[in-house]
Amino acid sequence: MNHKIIGKERQKGTGNTEKWTRIDFKTPKIDFSRFVS
């Protein structure tokens, strides 16, 4: 279910760095996805 949240946050990209950082620590894989985008 976390994947869905990440997708929403990524689309928003308004500046939810706090949420992103939290996910980044939990799943470094997403960090790569963010860079690829």
N, C-alpha and C. Protein backbone atom coordinates (compact mmCIF):
# COMPACT_ATOMS: atom_id res chain seq x y z
N MET A 1 0.84 -1.20 0.00
CA MET A 1 0.00 0.00 0.00
C MET A 1 0.88 1.25 0.00
N ASN A 2 2.07 1.11 0.55
CA ASN A 2 2.97 2.28 0.57
C ASN A 2 3.24 2.76 -0.85
N HIS A 3 3.30 1.81 -1.79
CA HIS A 3 3.58 2.20 -3.19
C HIS A 3 2.56 3.23 -3.66
N LYS A 4 1.32 3.02 -3.33
CA LYS A 4 0.27 3.96 -3.78
C LYS A 4 0.55 5.34 -3.22
N ILE A 5 0.89 5.39 -1.94
CA ILE A 5 1.15 6.71 -1.30
C ILE A 5 2.31 7.38 -2.02
N ILE A 6 3.33 6.60 -2.32
CA ILE A 6 4.51 7.18 -2.98
C ILE A 6 4.09 7.78 -4.32
N GLY A 7 3.30 7.04 -5.07
CA GLY A 7 2.86 7.54 -6.38
C GLY A 7 2.16 8.89 -6.24
N LYS A 8 1.30 8.99 -5.25
CA LYS A 8 0.59 10.27 -5.06
C LYS A 8 1.59 11.36 -4.70
N GLU A 9 2.47 11.07 -3.76
CA GLU A 9 3.45 12.09 -3.34
C GLU A 9 4.30 12.51 -4.54
N ARG A 10 4.71 11.54 -5.34
CA ARG A 10 5.58 11.85 -6.50
C ARG A 10 4.81 12.78 -7.45
N GLN A 11 3.58 12.48 -7.72
CA GLN A 11 2.80 13.32 -8.64
C GLN A 11 2.65 14.72 -8.07
N LYS A 12 2.42 14.81 -6.78
CA LYS A 12 2.23 16.14 -6.16
C LYS A 12 3.53 16.93 -6.32
N GLY A 13 4.61 16.40 -5.80
CA GLY A 13 5.89 17.10 -5.93
C GLY A 13 5.79 18.54 -5.48
N THR A 14 4.93 18.82 -4.55
CA THR A 14 4.75 20.20 -4.09
C THR A 14 5.88 20.58 -3.14
N GLY A 15 6.47 19.59 -2.53
CA GLY A 15 7.56 19.89 -1.58
C GLY A 15 7.39 19.03 -0.34
N ASN A 16 6.87 17.82 -0.54
CA ASN A 16 6.70 16.92 0.63
C ASN A 16 8.01 16.20 0.90
N THR A 17 9.07 16.94 1.11
CA THR A 17 10.38 16.30 1.34
C THR A 17 10.34 15.48 2.61
N GLU A 18 9.61 15.95 3.59
CA GLU A 18 9.55 15.23 4.87
C GLU A 18 9.05 13.81 4.63
N LYS A 19 7.95 13.69 3.93
CA LYS A 19 7.39 12.36 3.66
C LYS A 19 8.37 11.55 2.80
N TRP A 20 8.92 12.20 1.80
CA TRP A 20 9.86 11.50 0.92
C TRP A 20 11.04 10.99 1.72
N THR A 21 11.61 11.83 2.57
CA THR A 21 12.77 11.43 3.37
C THR A 21 12.40 10.21 4.21
N ARG A 22 11.26 10.23 4.78
CA ARG A 22 10.82 9.10 5.64
C ARG A 22 10.78 7.82 4.78
N ILE A 23 10.16 7.90 3.66
CA ILE A 23 10.07 6.71 2.78
C ILE A 23 11.47 6.31 2.34
N ASP A 24 12.29 7.29 2.03
CA ASP A 24 13.65 7.02 1.55
C ASP A 24 14.38 6.14 2.55
N PHE A 25 14.27 6.48 3.81
CA PHE A 25 14.95 5.70 4.85
C PHE A 25 14.37 4.29 4.93
N LYS A 26 13.07 4.20 4.80
CA LYS A 26 12.40 2.90 4.90
C LYS A 26 12.70 2.05 3.66
N THR A 27 12.68 2.68 2.50
CA THR A 27 12.91 1.92 1.26
C THR A 27 13.83 2.71 0.33
N PRO A 28 15.09 2.42 0.35
CA PRO A 28 16.06 3.12 -0.51
C PRO A 28 15.74 2.92 -1.99
N LYS A 29 14.96 1.90 -2.29
CA LYS A 29 14.62 1.63 -3.71
C LYS A 29 13.84 2.81 -4.30
N ILE A 30 12.95 3.36 -3.51
CA ILE A 30 12.14 4.48 -4.00
C ILE A 30 13.06 5.66 -4.33
N ASP A 31 14.11 5.81 -3.54
CA ASP A 31 15.05 6.93 -3.78
C ASP A 31 15.49 6.90 -5.24
N PHE A 32 15.81 5.72 -5.73
CA PHE A 32 16.24 5.60 -7.14
C PHE A 32 15.12 6.02 -8.07
N SER A 33 13.93 5.56 -7.79
CA SER A 33 12.78 5.91 -8.65
C SER A 33 12.66 7.42 -8.74
N ARG A 34 12.86 8.09 -7.63
CA ARG A 34 12.71 9.55 -7.62
C ARG A 34 13.76 10.16 -8.54
N PHE A 35 14.96 9.64 -8.47
CA PHE A 35 16.03 10.21 -9.30
C PHE A 35 15.75 9.93 -10.78
N VAL A 36 15.30 8.75 -11.07
CA VAL A 36 15.03 8.38 -12.47
C VAL A 36 13.97 9.31 -13.05
N SER A 37 12.94 9.61 -12.25
CA SER A 37 11.85 10.47 -12.78
C SER A 37 12.47 11.74 -13.29
